[in-house]
Amino acid sequence: FEEYAIEVASRIDPCVQLALELSCGTGRVTNHLRKVLPSSTKLVASDISPDMLAVAKEKLKTSNIAWQIIDAQQIPFDDNSFDLVVCCFGYMFVDRSRAFIEALRVLRPAGMLILSTWDKLEHNEASHVFRKTVKKYFGDSLPETYKLPFSMHDPFVIKEQLHRSGFSKVNADVIVKNSVCATAKEATYGLVHGGSLYNEIVKHNPEWLEEIKTIVESELTEKYGAAPMVAPMRAIISQAWK
């Protein structure tokens, strides 16, 4: 996430007065937004998860940030409230049409929405190693949520959806970065324990956890190095103006 947080922040005009971040998670993007935006800019950072928001608040407790629990599909602000709306790796998990229309509604004229979404799974190689391993264990019983993180991988479709929602100008760029972790072991832990598939594995068979971690760490080490682990990743960064 860090590389794309930096990339998103670099594309923001700092001369905004009011900014809203949706799906802030643990605050990685929030941290970079606060760095590039002037101290006079009001930044509202939000997530639908109180637990995520609590982690972000603790990490960035000295920063000038207003924290709020918000559903991206139902933003509790008036029309034309913000100069900027940011959502990194969150729109894959909501009704995009509703969420895009809500972002458009709260933006001021000429305001910008910037969002990031993952490219196809096979272009995000560390995640691909983990997920194809999980798929071998689950077979055809994989939950529907398995595909969601990589379900917004087509720049043309994203641009079309944003235009259809009412945005006047839209860009969508494929950005290639490297996923860097201190060790393959740490990367494996993050992949296995850091997402919704962890709960699915535990629910089906807790004994799978250690087996999956052993397989994933071994493959990551072989392909991308033990320390550091460096694996290619790809995302789409889209910008849309009201």
Protein backbone atom coordinates (compact mmCIF):
# COMPACT_ATOMS: atom_id res chain seq x y z
CA PHE A 1 0.00 0.00 0.00
CA GLU A 2 2.80 2.43 0.88
CA GLU A 3 4.10 2.91 -2.66
CA TYR A 4 0.63 3.70 -3.96
CA ALA A 5 -0.11 5.97 -1.00
CA ILE A 6 2.91 8.05 -2.01
CA GLU A 7 1.85 8.00 -5.67
CA VAL A 8 -1.69 9.15 -4.86
CA ALA A 9 -0.48 11.93 -2.59
CA SER A 10 1.87 13.16 -5.33
CA ARG A 11 -1.09 13.70 -7.68
CA ILE A 12 -2.99 15.99 -5.34
CA ASP A 13 -3.15 19.76 -5.72
CA PRO A 14 -2.23 21.01 -2.25
CA CYS A 15 -4.34 24.14 -2.74
CA VAL A 16 -7.54 22.50 -1.47
CA GLN A 17 -9.44 23.70 1.57
CA LEU A 18 -11.50 20.62 2.40
CA ALA A 19 -10.54 16.99 1.72
CA LEU A 20 -12.32 13.72 2.46
CA GLU A 21 -10.68 10.30 2.56
CA LEU A 22 -12.91 7.23 2.33
CA SER A 23 -11.83 3.71 3.37
CA CYS A 24 -8.76 5.05 5.17
CA GLY A 25 -8.02 1.69 6.81
CA THR A 26 -5.06 1.93 9.16
CA GLY A 27 -4.08 5.38 7.90
CA ARG A 28 -1.24 4.75 5.46
CA VAL A 29 -2.69 7.05 2.79
CA THR A 30 -3.98 9.46 5.43
CA ASN A 31 -0.42 10.00 6.67
CA HIS A 32 0.80 11.03 3.21
CA LEU A 33 -2.25 13.20 2.56
CA ARG A 34 -1.62 15.11 5.75
CA LYS A 35 2.00 15.64 4.72
CA VAL A 36 1.20 17.14 1.30
CA LEU A 37 -1.85 19.18 2.34
CA PRO A 38 -1.28 22.51 4.13
CA SER A 39 -2.04 22.61 7.85
CA SER A 40 -4.90 24.97 7.04
CA THR A 41 -6.64 22.30 4.94
CA LYS A 42 -9.28 20.37 6.84
CA LEU A 43 -8.83 16.63 6.27
CA VAL A 44 -11.64 14.23 7.19
CA ALA A 45 -10.40 10.62 7.24
CA SER A 46 -13.07 7.94 7.39
CA ASP A 47 -13.70 4.23 7.31
CA ILE A 48 -16.75 2.04 7.78
CA SER A 49 -14.84 -0.09 10.31
CA PRO A 50 -14.50 1.34 13.85
CA ASP A 51 -11.60 -1.05 14.47
CA MET A 52 -9.63 0.21 11.47
CA LEU A 53 -10.36 3.79 12.41
CA ALA A 54 -9.12 3.19 15.97
CA VAL A 55 -5.79 1.88 14.63
CA ALA A 56 -5.40 4.86 12.30
CA LYS A 57 -6.22 7.35 15.06
CA GLU A 58 -3.64 5.79 17.37
CA LYS A 59 -0.94 5.85 14.69
CA LEU A 60 -1.62 9.45 13.67
CA LYS A 61 -2.91 10.90 16.93
CA THR A 62 -0.72 14.00 16.76
CA SER A 63 -1.90 14.94 13.27
CA ASN A 64 -4.50 17.51 12.34
CA ILE A 65 -7.17 15.05 11.16
CA ALA A 66 -10.92 14.76 11.78
CA TRP A 67 -11.88 11.09 12.10
CA GLN A 68 -15.33 9.76 11.23
CA ILE A 69 -17.10 6.45 10.59
CA ILE A 70 -18.56 6.73 7.08
CA ASP A 71 -20.08 4.36 4.54
CA ALA A 72 -18.79 5.42 1.09
CA GLN A 73 -22.22 4.60 -0.33
CA GLN A 74 -23.94 7.10 1.99
CA ILE A 75 -21.69 10.06 2.79
CA PRO A 76 -23.17 12.22 5.59
CA PHE A 77 -22.18 15.61 4.17
CA ASP A 78 -24.02 18.25 2.16
CA ASP A 79 -23.74 18.66 -1.59
CA ASN A 80 -20.67 20.59 -2.81
CA SER A 81 -18.79 20.22 0.49
CA PHE A 82 -15.28 19.08 -0.55
CA ASP A 83 -12.57 20.05 -3.01
CA LEU A 84 -11.08 16.56 -2.94
CA VAL A 85 -12.26 12.99 -2.27
CA VAL A 86 -9.71 10.18 -1.97
CA CYS A 87 -10.41 6.44 -1.83
CA CYS A 88 -7.54 3.96 -2.05
CA PHE A 89 -8.37 0.27 -2.50
CA GLY A 90 -11.89 0.64 -1.10
CA TYR A 91 -14.30 0.88 -4.03
CA MET A 92 -13.90 -2.82 -4.89
CA PHE A 93 -15.99 -3.70 -1.80
CA VAL A 94 -19.00 -1.41 -2.30
CA ASP A 95 -21.72 -0.68 -4.85
CA ARG A 96 -19.59 1.40 -7.20
CA SER A 97 -22.45 3.23 -8.88
CA ARG A 98 -23.84 4.44 -5.54
CA ALA A 99 -20.40 5.27 -4.18
CA PHE A 100 -19.30 7.22 -7.27
CA ILE A 101 -22.55 9.22 -7.30
CA GLU A 102 -22.09 10.03 -3.61
CA ALA A 103 -18.51 11.20 -4.19
CA LEU A 104 -19.70 13.38 -7.07
CA ARG A 105 -22.48 14.84 -4.93
CA VAL A 106 -20.21 16.00 -2.10
CA LEU A 107 -17.56 17.42 -4.42
CA ARG A 108 -17.58 21.10 -5.26
CA PRO A 109 -17.60 22.12 -8.94
CA ALA A 110 -14.20 21.25 -10.49
CA GLY A 111 -13.42 19.12 -7.42
CA MET A 112 -11.48 15.89 -7.91
CA LEU A 113 -11.99 12.27 -6.93
CA ILE A 114 -8.84 10.15 -6.90
CA LEU A 115 -8.99 6.40 -6.36
CA SER A 116 -6.74 3.39 -6.61
CA THR A 117 -7.73 -0.20 -7.38
CA TRP A 118 -5.68 -3.34 -7.93
CA ASP A 119 -4.92 -4.63 -11.41
CA LYS A 120 -5.52 -8.32 -12.18
CA LEU A 121 -4.41 -10.78 -9.52
CA GLU A 122 -1.69 -12.31 -11.71
CA HIS A 123 -0.02 -8.88 -11.97
CA ASN A 124 0.20 -8.65 -8.16
CA GLU A 125 2.59 -11.50 -7.71
CA ALA A 126 2.92 -11.93 -3.95
CA SER A 127 -0.86 -11.89 -3.56
CA HIS A 128 -1.11 -14.31 -6.48
CA VAL A 129 1.18 -16.80 -4.73
CA PHE A 130 -0.95 -16.68 -1.59
CA ARG A 131 -4.33 -16.81 -3.29
CA LYS A 132 -3.53 -19.64 -5.68
CA THR A 133 -2.30 -21.63 -2.66
CA VAL A 134 -5.57 -20.96 -0.80
CA LYS A 135 -7.52 -21.95 -3.90
CA LYS A 136 -5.91 -25.41 -3.86
CA TYR A 137 -7.28 -25.96 -0.36
CA PHE A 138 -10.76 -24.57 -0.96
CA GLY A 139 -11.39 -25.82 -4.49
CA ASP A 140 -14.85 -24.73 -5.64
CA SER A 141 -15.92 -23.65 -2.15
CA LEU A 142 -14.07 -20.32 -2.21
CA PRO A 143 -16.17 -17.43 -0.86
CA GLU A 144 -17.41 -14.77 -3.28
CA THR A 145 -15.19 -12.24 -1.51
CA TYR A 146 -12.13 -14.04 -2.94
CA LYS A 147 -12.40 -12.12 -6.22
CA LEU A 148 -13.39 -8.71 -4.85
CA PRO A 149 -9.95 -7.13 -4.20
CA PHE A 150 -9.04 -7.53 -7.88
CA SER A 151 -12.47 -6.88 -9.38
CA MET A 152 -11.73 -3.33 -10.65
CA HIS A 153 -8.78 -4.07 -12.92
CA ASP A 154 -10.01 -2.66 -16.25
CA PRO A 155 -9.18 1.06 -16.76
CA PHE A 156 -11.72 1.33 -19.59
CA VAL A 157 -14.55 0.01 -17.39
CA ILE A 158 -13.55 2.29 -14.49
CA LYS A 159 -13.56 5.34 -16.77
CA GLU A 160 -16.90 4.35 -18.23
CA GLN A 161 -18.45 3.93 -14.74
CA LEU A 162 -17.13 7.30 -13.60
CA HIS A 163 -18.43 9.07 -16.72
CA ARG A 164 -21.80 7.35 -16.31
CA SER A 165 -21.93 8.57 -12.70
CA GLY A 166 -21.64 12.15 -13.93
CA PHE A 167 -17.94 13.04 -13.81
CA SER A 168 -16.93 15.33 -16.67
CA LYS A 169 -13.27 14.37 -17.13
CA VAL A 170 -11.61 11.07 -16.19
CA ASN A 171 -8.07 9.63 -16.35
CA ALA A 172 -7.03 6.08 -15.47
CA ASP A 173 -3.37 5.04 -15.38
CA VAL A 174 -1.82 1.62 -14.82
CA ILE A 175 1.02 2.07 -12.33
CA VAL A 176 3.67 -0.61 -11.80
CA LYS A 177 5.51 -0.72 -8.46
CA ASN A 178 7.41 -3.22 -6.35
CA SER A 179 6.00 -4.77 -3.19
CA VAL A 180 8.94 -4.74 -0.78
CA CYS A 181 9.00 -6.54 2.56
CA ALA A 182 11.92 -7.07 4.93
CA THR A 183 11.58 -10.85 4.66
CA ALA A 184 9.46 -13.41 2.84
CA LYS A 185 8.36 -14.64 6.26
CA GLU A 186 6.92 -11.23 7.19
CA ALA A 187 5.25 -10.94 3.79
CA THR A 188 3.67 -14.35 4.28
CA TYR A 189 2.33 -13.41 7.70
CA GLY A 190 0.78 -10.23 6.30
CA LEU A 191 -0.81 -12.03 3.36
CA VAL A 192 -2.26 -14.86 5.45
CA HIS A 193 -3.34 -12.93 8.54
CA GLY A 194 -4.10 -9.55 7.02
CA GLY A 195 -7.24 -10.17 5.00
CA SER A 196 -10.71 -11.68 5.03
CA LEU A 197 -9.43 -15.05 3.78
CA TYR A 198 -7.80 -15.61 7.17
CA ASN A 199 -11.23 -15.99 8.79
CA GLU A 200 -12.36 -18.32 6.03
CA ILE A 201 -9.32 -20.56 6.51
CA VAL A 202 -9.81 -20.71 10.29
CA LYS A 203 -13.50 -21.44 9.85
CA HIS A 204 -12.88 -24.33 7.46
CA ASN A 205 -9.82 -25.89 9.09
CA PRO A 206 -7.40 -24.05 11.43
CA GLU A 207 -4.72 -26.66 10.71
CA TRP A 208 -4.48 -25.32 7.17
CA LEU A 209 -2.96 -22.07 8.42
CA GLU A 210 0.54 -23.35 9.11
CA GLU A 211 0.55 -25.49 5.98
CA ILE A 212 -0.44 -22.54 3.81
CA LYS A 213 2.15 -20.29 5.44
CA THR A 214 4.90 -22.85 4.85
CA ILE A 215 4.00 -23.19 1.16
CA VAL A 216 3.62 -19.45 0.58
CA GLU A 217 6.87 -18.51 2.34
CA SER A 218 8.77 -21.15 0.39
CA GLU A 219 7.43 -19.94 -2.97
CA LEU A 220 7.94 -16.26 -2.16
CA THR A 221 11.52 -16.97 -1.09
CA GLU A 222 12.24 -18.95 -4.25
CA LYS A 223 10.74 -16.38 -6.63
CA TYR A 224 11.31 -13.02 -4.96
CA GLY A 225 13.99 -13.46 -2.32
CA ALA A 226 14.14 -14.28 1.39
CA ALA A 227 15.38 -10.90 2.67
CA PRO A 228 14.25 -8.57 1.33
CA MET A 229 11.32 -9.94 -0.61
CA VAL A 230 10.66 -7.83 -3.71
CA ALA A 231 7.70 -8.75 -5.91
CA PRO A 232 6.08 -6.81 -8.77
CA MET A 233 2.63 -5.30 -8.23
CA ARG A 234 0.25 -3.28 -10.38
CA ALA A 235 -2.64 -0.94 -9.67
CA ILE A 236 -4.84 1.55 -11.51
CA ILE A 237 -4.94 5.13 -10.28
CA SER A 238 -7.97 7.01 -11.57
CA GLN A 239 -8.74 10.71 -11.34
CA ALA A 240 -12.16 12.19 -12.05
CA TRP A 241 -13.33 15.80 -11.99
CA LYS A 242 -16.81 17.18 -11.34
